[in-house]
N, C-alpha and C. Protein backbone atom coordinates (compact mmCIF):
# COMPACT_ATOMS: atom_id res chain seq x y z
N UNK A 1 6.19 -91.33 4.36
CA UNK A 1 5.42 -92.08 4.79
C UNK A 1 4.15 -91.59 5.49
N UNK A 2 2.80 -92.27 4.60
CA UNK A 2 1.66 -92.00 4.72
C UNK A 2 1.30 -91.79 6.29
N UNK A 3 0.43 -90.96 6.49
CA UNK A 3 -0.14 -91.16 7.81
C UNK A 3 -0.88 -92.07 8.26
N UNK A 4 -1.53 -92.63 6.97
CA UNK A 4 -2.43 -94.33 7.74
C UNK A 4 -1.40 -95.14 8.05
N UNK A 5 -0.34 -94.76 7.06
CA UNK A 5 0.45 -96.52 7.01
C UNK A 5 1.06 -95.86 8.71
N UNK A 6 1.65 -94.73 9.31
CA UNK A 6 1.74 -94.77 10.53
C UNK A 6 1.55 -94.65 11.69
N UNK A 7 0.12 -95.19 11.16
CA UNK A 7 -0.99 -94.79 12.54
C UNK A 7 -0.83 -96.26 12.57
N UNK A 8 -1.24 -96.98 11.21
CA UNK A 8 -1.22 -98.98 11.50
C UNK A 8 -0.20 -99.09 11.80
N UNK A 9 1.12 -98.52 11.69
CA UNK A 9 2.13 -99.15 12.48
C UNK A 9 2.01 -99.13 14.20
N UNK A 10 1.73 -97.99 14.55
CA UNK A 10 1.42 -97.78 15.96
C UNK A 10 0.44 -98.63 16.50
N UNK A 11 0.07 -99.55 15.57
CA UNK A 11 -1.20 -100.76 15.94
C UNK A 11 -2.63 -99.84 15.85
N UNK A 12 -3.13 -98.95 15.21
CA UNK A 12 -4.15 -98.24 15.34
C UNK A 12 -4.97 -99.03 14.10
N UNK A 13 -6.32 -99.60 14.26
CA UNK A 13 -6.71 -100.27 13.26
C UNK A 13 -7.45 -99.36 12.02
N UNK A 14 -7.06 -99.25 11.06
CA UNK A 14 -7.44 -98.66 10.22
C UNK A 14 -8.24 -99.34 8.80
N UNK A 15 -9.46 -99.09 8.77
CA UNK A 15 -10.34 -99.54 8.25
C UNK A 15 -11.15 -98.82 7.14
N UNK A 16 -10.42 -99.07 5.46
CA UNK A 16 -10.74 -98.68 4.50
C UNK A 16 -12.24 -98.87 4.00
N UNK A 17 -12.87 -97.95 3.26
CA UNK A 17 -13.77 -97.70 2.60
C UNK A 17 -13.85 -98.65 1.41
N UNK A 18 -15.19 -99.25 0.48
CA UNK A 18 -14.54 -99.79 -0.89
C UNK A 18 -13.57 -98.71 -1.21
N UNK A 19 -14.40 -97.92 -2.02
CA UNK A 19 -14.26 -96.50 -2.86
C UNK A 19 -12.35 -96.30 -2.87
N UNK A 20 -11.79 -96.13 -1.37
CA UNK A 20 -10.96 -96.13 -1.01
C UNK A 20 -9.73 -97.34 -1.53
N UNK A 21 -10.16 -98.71 -1.12
CA UNK A 21 -9.84 -99.59 -0.96
C UNK A 21 -9.62 -100.09 -2.56
N UNK A 22 -10.50 -99.64 -3.64
CA UNK A 22 -10.44 -99.94 -5.04
C UNK A 22 -9.34 -98.93 -5.38
N UNK A 23 -9.82 -97.29 -4.83
CA UNK A 23 -8.10 -97.25 -5.80
C UNK A 23 -7.21 -97.73 -5.29
N UNK A 24 -6.71 -98.10 -4.13
CA UNK A 24 -5.52 -97.81 -3.52
C UNK A 24 -5.13 -99.57 -4.69
N UNK A 25 -5.84 -100.54 -5.16
CA UNK A 25 -5.56 -101.32 -5.55
C UNK A 25 -5.93 -101.56 -7.36
N UNK A 26 -6.32 -100.36 -8.19
CA UNK A 26 -6.34 -99.91 -9.17
C UNK A 26 -7.62 -99.94 -9.89
N UNK A 27 -8.43 -100.80 -9.08
CA UNK A 27 -9.94 -101.44 -9.95
C UNK A 27 -11.15 -100.79 -9.42
N UNK A 28 -12.12 -101.05 -10.24
CA UNK A 28 -13.11 -100.73 -9.72
C UNK A 28 -14.16 -101.27 -8.55
N UNK A 29 -15.10 -100.05 -7.75
CA UNK A 29 -15.80 -101.08 -6.82
C UNK A 29 -16.63 -101.88 -7.15
N UNK A 30 -17.01 -102.21 -8.76
CA UNK A 30 -17.49 -103.39 -8.66
C UNK A 30 -16.66 -104.49 -9.00
N UNK A 31 -15.25 -104.35 -9.57
CA UNK A 31 -14.44 -105.24 -9.51
C UNK A 31 -14.01 -105.94 -7.93
N UNK A 32 -14.09 -104.98 -6.97
CA UNK A 32 -13.92 -105.26 -5.27
C UNK A 32 -14.60 -106.08 -5.13
N UNK A 33 -16.29 -105.95 -5.69
CA UNK A 33 -17.10 -106.47 -4.88
C UNK A 33 -17.18 -108.37 -5.79
N UNK A 34 -17.25 -107.96 -6.90
CA UNK A 34 -16.97 -109.40 -7.91
C UNK A 34 -15.73 -110.18 -6.50
N UNK A 35 -14.97 -109.60 -6.40
CA UNK A 35 -13.64 -110.89 -6.36
C UNK A 35 -14.08 -111.24 -4.95
N UNK A 36 -14.83 -110.01 -3.87
CA UNK A 36 -15.58 -110.80 -2.09
C UNK A 36 -16.65 -111.55 -2.85
N UNK A 37 -17.51 -111.80 -4.02
CA UNK A 37 -18.12 -112.83 -4.06
C UNK A 37 -17.32 -114.38 -4.71
N UNK A 38 -16.41 -114.59 -5.16
CA UNK A 38 -15.27 -115.21 -6.00
C UNK A 38 -14.85 -115.57 -4.71
N UNK A 39 -14.56 -115.00 -3.73
CA UNK A 39 -13.05 -115.33 -2.70
C UNK A 39 -12.19 -115.01 -3.01
N UNK A 40 -11.79 -113.75 -3.70
CA UNK A 40 -10.69 -113.55 -3.69
C UNK A 40 -10.30 -112.08 -3.31
N UNK A 41 -9.11 -111.25 -3.30
CA UNK A 41 -9.11 -110.10 -2.95
C UNK A 41 -8.88 -109.89 -1.26
N UNK A 42 -8.15 -109.37 -0.99
CA UNK A 42 -7.92 -108.87 0.79
C UNK A 42 -8.97 -109.29 1.50
N UNK A 43 -9.28 -109.48 2.59
CA UNK A 43 -10.24 -109.83 3.69
C UNK A 43 -10.95 -108.40 3.99
N UNK A 44 -11.92 -108.76 4.05
CA UNK A 44 -12.92 -107.59 4.62
C UNK A 44 -13.85 -107.66 5.92
N UNK A 45 -14.36 -106.61 6.23
CA UNK A 45 -15.13 -106.88 7.57
C UNK A 45 -16.61 -106.16 7.16
N UNK A 46 -17.43 -106.59 7.09
CA UNK A 46 -18.66 -106.28 7.22
C UNK A 46 -19.24 -105.46 8.52
N UNK A 47 -19.50 -104.08 8.53
CA UNK A 47 -19.92 -103.63 9.55
C UNK A 47 -21.28 -103.82 9.55
N UNK A 48 -22.29 -103.61 8.70
CA UNK A 48 -23.68 -103.71 8.98
C UNK A 48 -24.47 -103.50 7.15
N UNK A 49 -25.39 -104.10 7.18
CA UNK A 49 -25.83 -103.86 5.68
C UNK A 49 -24.80 -104.16 4.54
N UNK A 50 -24.84 -103.68 3.76
CA UNK A 50 -23.87 -103.75 3.03
C UNK A 50 -22.62 -102.59 3.06
N UNK A 51 -22.27 -101.96 4.17
CA UNK A 51 -21.18 -101.27 4.67
C UNK A 51 -19.83 -101.98 4.88
N UNK A 52 -18.88 -102.10 3.55
CA UNK A 52 -17.73 -103.03 3.73
C UNK A 52 -16.87 -102.40 3.59
N UNK A 53 -15.97 -102.55 4.89
CA UNK A 53 -14.87 -102.34 4.70
C UNK A 53 -13.29 -103.18 4.77
N UNK A 54 -12.08 -102.25 4.60
CA UNK A 54 -10.97 -103.52 4.43
C UNK A 54 -9.92 -102.95 5.43
N UNK A 55 -9.38 -103.47 6.26
CA UNK A 55 -7.93 -103.46 7.13
C UNK A 55 -6.73 -102.85 6.35
N UNK A 56 -6.16 -101.86 6.33
CA UNK A 56 -5.34 -101.12 5.45
C UNK A 56 -3.97 -102.14 5.68
N UNK A 57 -3.86 -102.98 6.51
CA UNK A 57 -3.14 -104.03 6.90
C UNK A 57 -3.17 -104.55 5.99
N UNK A 58 -4.11 -105.61 5.85
CA UNK A 58 -4.74 -106.31 5.03
C UNK A 58 -4.29 -105.91 3.53
N UNK A 59 -4.79 -104.93 3.39
CA UNK A 59 -4.66 -104.56 1.10
C UNK A 59 -3.35 -104.18 0.81
N UNK A 60 -2.19 -104.06 2.01
CA UNK A 60 -0.94 -103.91 2.06
C UNK A 60 -0.30 -105.19 1.90
N UNK A 61 -0.62 -106.13 2.58
CA UNK A 61 -0.37 -107.18 2.53
C UNK A 61 -0.64 -108.37 1.22
N UNK A 62 -2.12 -108.08 0.79
CA UNK A 62 -2.43 -108.37 -0.28
C UNK A 62 -1.83 -107.93 -1.59
N UNK A 63 -1.10 -106.60 -1.82
CA UNK A 63 -0.29 -105.80 -2.67
C UNK A 63 0.72 -106.62 -2.83
N UNK A 64 1.38 -106.92 -1.66
CA UNK A 64 2.51 -107.48 -1.18
C UNK A 64 2.51 -109.01 -1.71
N UNK A 65 1.67 -109.86 -1.68
CA UNK A 65 1.30 -111.21 -2.02
C UNK A 65 1.38 -110.95 -3.69
N UNK A 66 1.08 -110.12 -4.26
CA UNK A 66 0.61 -110.14 -5.71
C UNK A 66 1.37 -109.60 -6.37
N UNK A 67 2.20 -108.75 -5.96
CA UNK A 67 3.66 -108.69 -6.77
C UNK A 67 4.55 -109.46 -7.36
N UNK A 68 4.68 -109.15 -8.63
CA UNK A 68 5.14 -110.19 -9.58
C UNK A 68 6.54 -109.66 -10.42
N UNK A 69 8.04 -110.09 -10.80
CA UNK A 69 8.45 -109.15 -11.81
C UNK A 69 8.19 -109.65 -13.22
N UNK A 70 7.52 -110.95 -13.63
CA UNK A 70 7.57 -111.13 -14.99
C UNK A 70 5.95 -112.27 -15.24
N UNK A 71 5.47 -112.05 -16.47
CA UNK A 71 4.76 -112.95 -16.89
C UNK A 71 4.78 -114.38 -16.46
N UNK A 72 6.18 -114.81 -16.62
CA UNK A 72 6.58 -115.83 -16.25
C UNK A 72 6.39 -116.43 -14.75
N UNK A 73 6.77 -115.25 -14.11
CA UNK A 73 6.37 -115.73 -12.21
C UNK A 73 5.06 -115.89 -12.25
N UNK A 74 4.09 -114.89 -12.83
CA UNK A 74 2.77 -114.91 -13.03
C UNK A 74 1.96 -116.41 -13.07
N UNK A 75 2.51 -116.81 -14.41
CA UNK A 75 2.32 -118.01 -14.89
C UNK A 75 2.53 -119.13 -13.90
N UNK A 76 3.81 -119.30 -12.95
CA UNK A 76 4.33 -120.35 -12.55
C UNK A 76 3.31 -120.53 -11.33
N UNK A 77 2.48 -119.00 -10.91
CA UNK A 77 2.00 -118.91 -9.79
C UNK A 77 0.27 -119.66 -9.90
N UNK A 78 -0.01 -119.61 -11.43
CA UNK A 78 -1.24 -120.30 -11.86
C UNK A 78 -2.52 -118.88 -11.66
N UNK A 79 -1.32 -117.85 -12.13
CA UNK A 79 -2.54 -117.11 -11.98
C UNK A 79 -2.39 -115.97 -13.55
N UNK A 80 -3.59 -115.95 -14.01
CA UNK A 80 -3.66 -114.97 -15.37
C UNK A 80 -3.22 -113.64 -14.45
N UNK A 81 -3.06 -112.80 -16.45
CA UNK A 81 -1.95 -111.38 -15.90
C UNK A 81 -3.09 -110.66 -15.01
N UNK A 82 -4.38 -110.41 -14.73
CA UNK A 82 -5.11 -109.89 -13.59
C UNK A 82 -5.16 -110.17 -12.26
N UNK A 83 -4.43 -111.40 -12.26
CA UNK A 83 -4.24 -111.70 -11.05
C UNK A 83 -5.69 -112.63 -10.30
N UNK A 84 -5.98 -112.93 -10.72
CA UNK A 84 -6.96 -114.08 -10.88
C UNK A 84 -6.95 -115.23 -10.17
N UNK A 85 -7.03 -115.92 -9.54
CA UNK A 85 -6.25 -117.65 -8.85
C UNK A 85 -6.81 -118.65 -9.87
N UNK A 86 -6.16 -119.51 -9.96
CA UNK A 86 -6.43 -120.68 -10.81
C UNK A 86 -7.51 -120.83 -12.00
N UNK A 87 -6.48 -119.75 -12.92
CA UNK A 87 -6.49 -119.78 -14.25
C UNK A 87 -5.69 -119.32 -15.07
N UNK A 88 -5.34 -120.64 -16.15
CA UNK A 88 -4.52 -120.70 -16.45
C UNK A 88 -4.52 -119.27 -17.46
N UNK A 89 -2.99 -119.05 -17.62
CA UNK A 89 -2.60 -117.36 -18.53
C UNK A 89 -2.82 -117.79 -20.12
N UNK A 90 -3.24 -116.79 -20.63
CA UNK A 90 -3.42 -116.64 -21.94
C UNK A 90 -2.36 -116.03 -22.84
């Protein structure tokens, strides 16, 4: 188990930088920023100015909530293949 996950289990609040969060989700920082503007993605904490952080537990929960076993399951949830909400799959 990762050290960060162990600390999170102990109740320690692990705040990830945008770059680390984007890497965990397999997207670019720009995609993460676009998701924030669209109201999609894991919850974030604005520390000050442009310093945005993500709680490790929220990022892991977001990943779990968006797991699917098939394209049909994705379509049934009303998501496109990239997980964007409210759009029909093509």
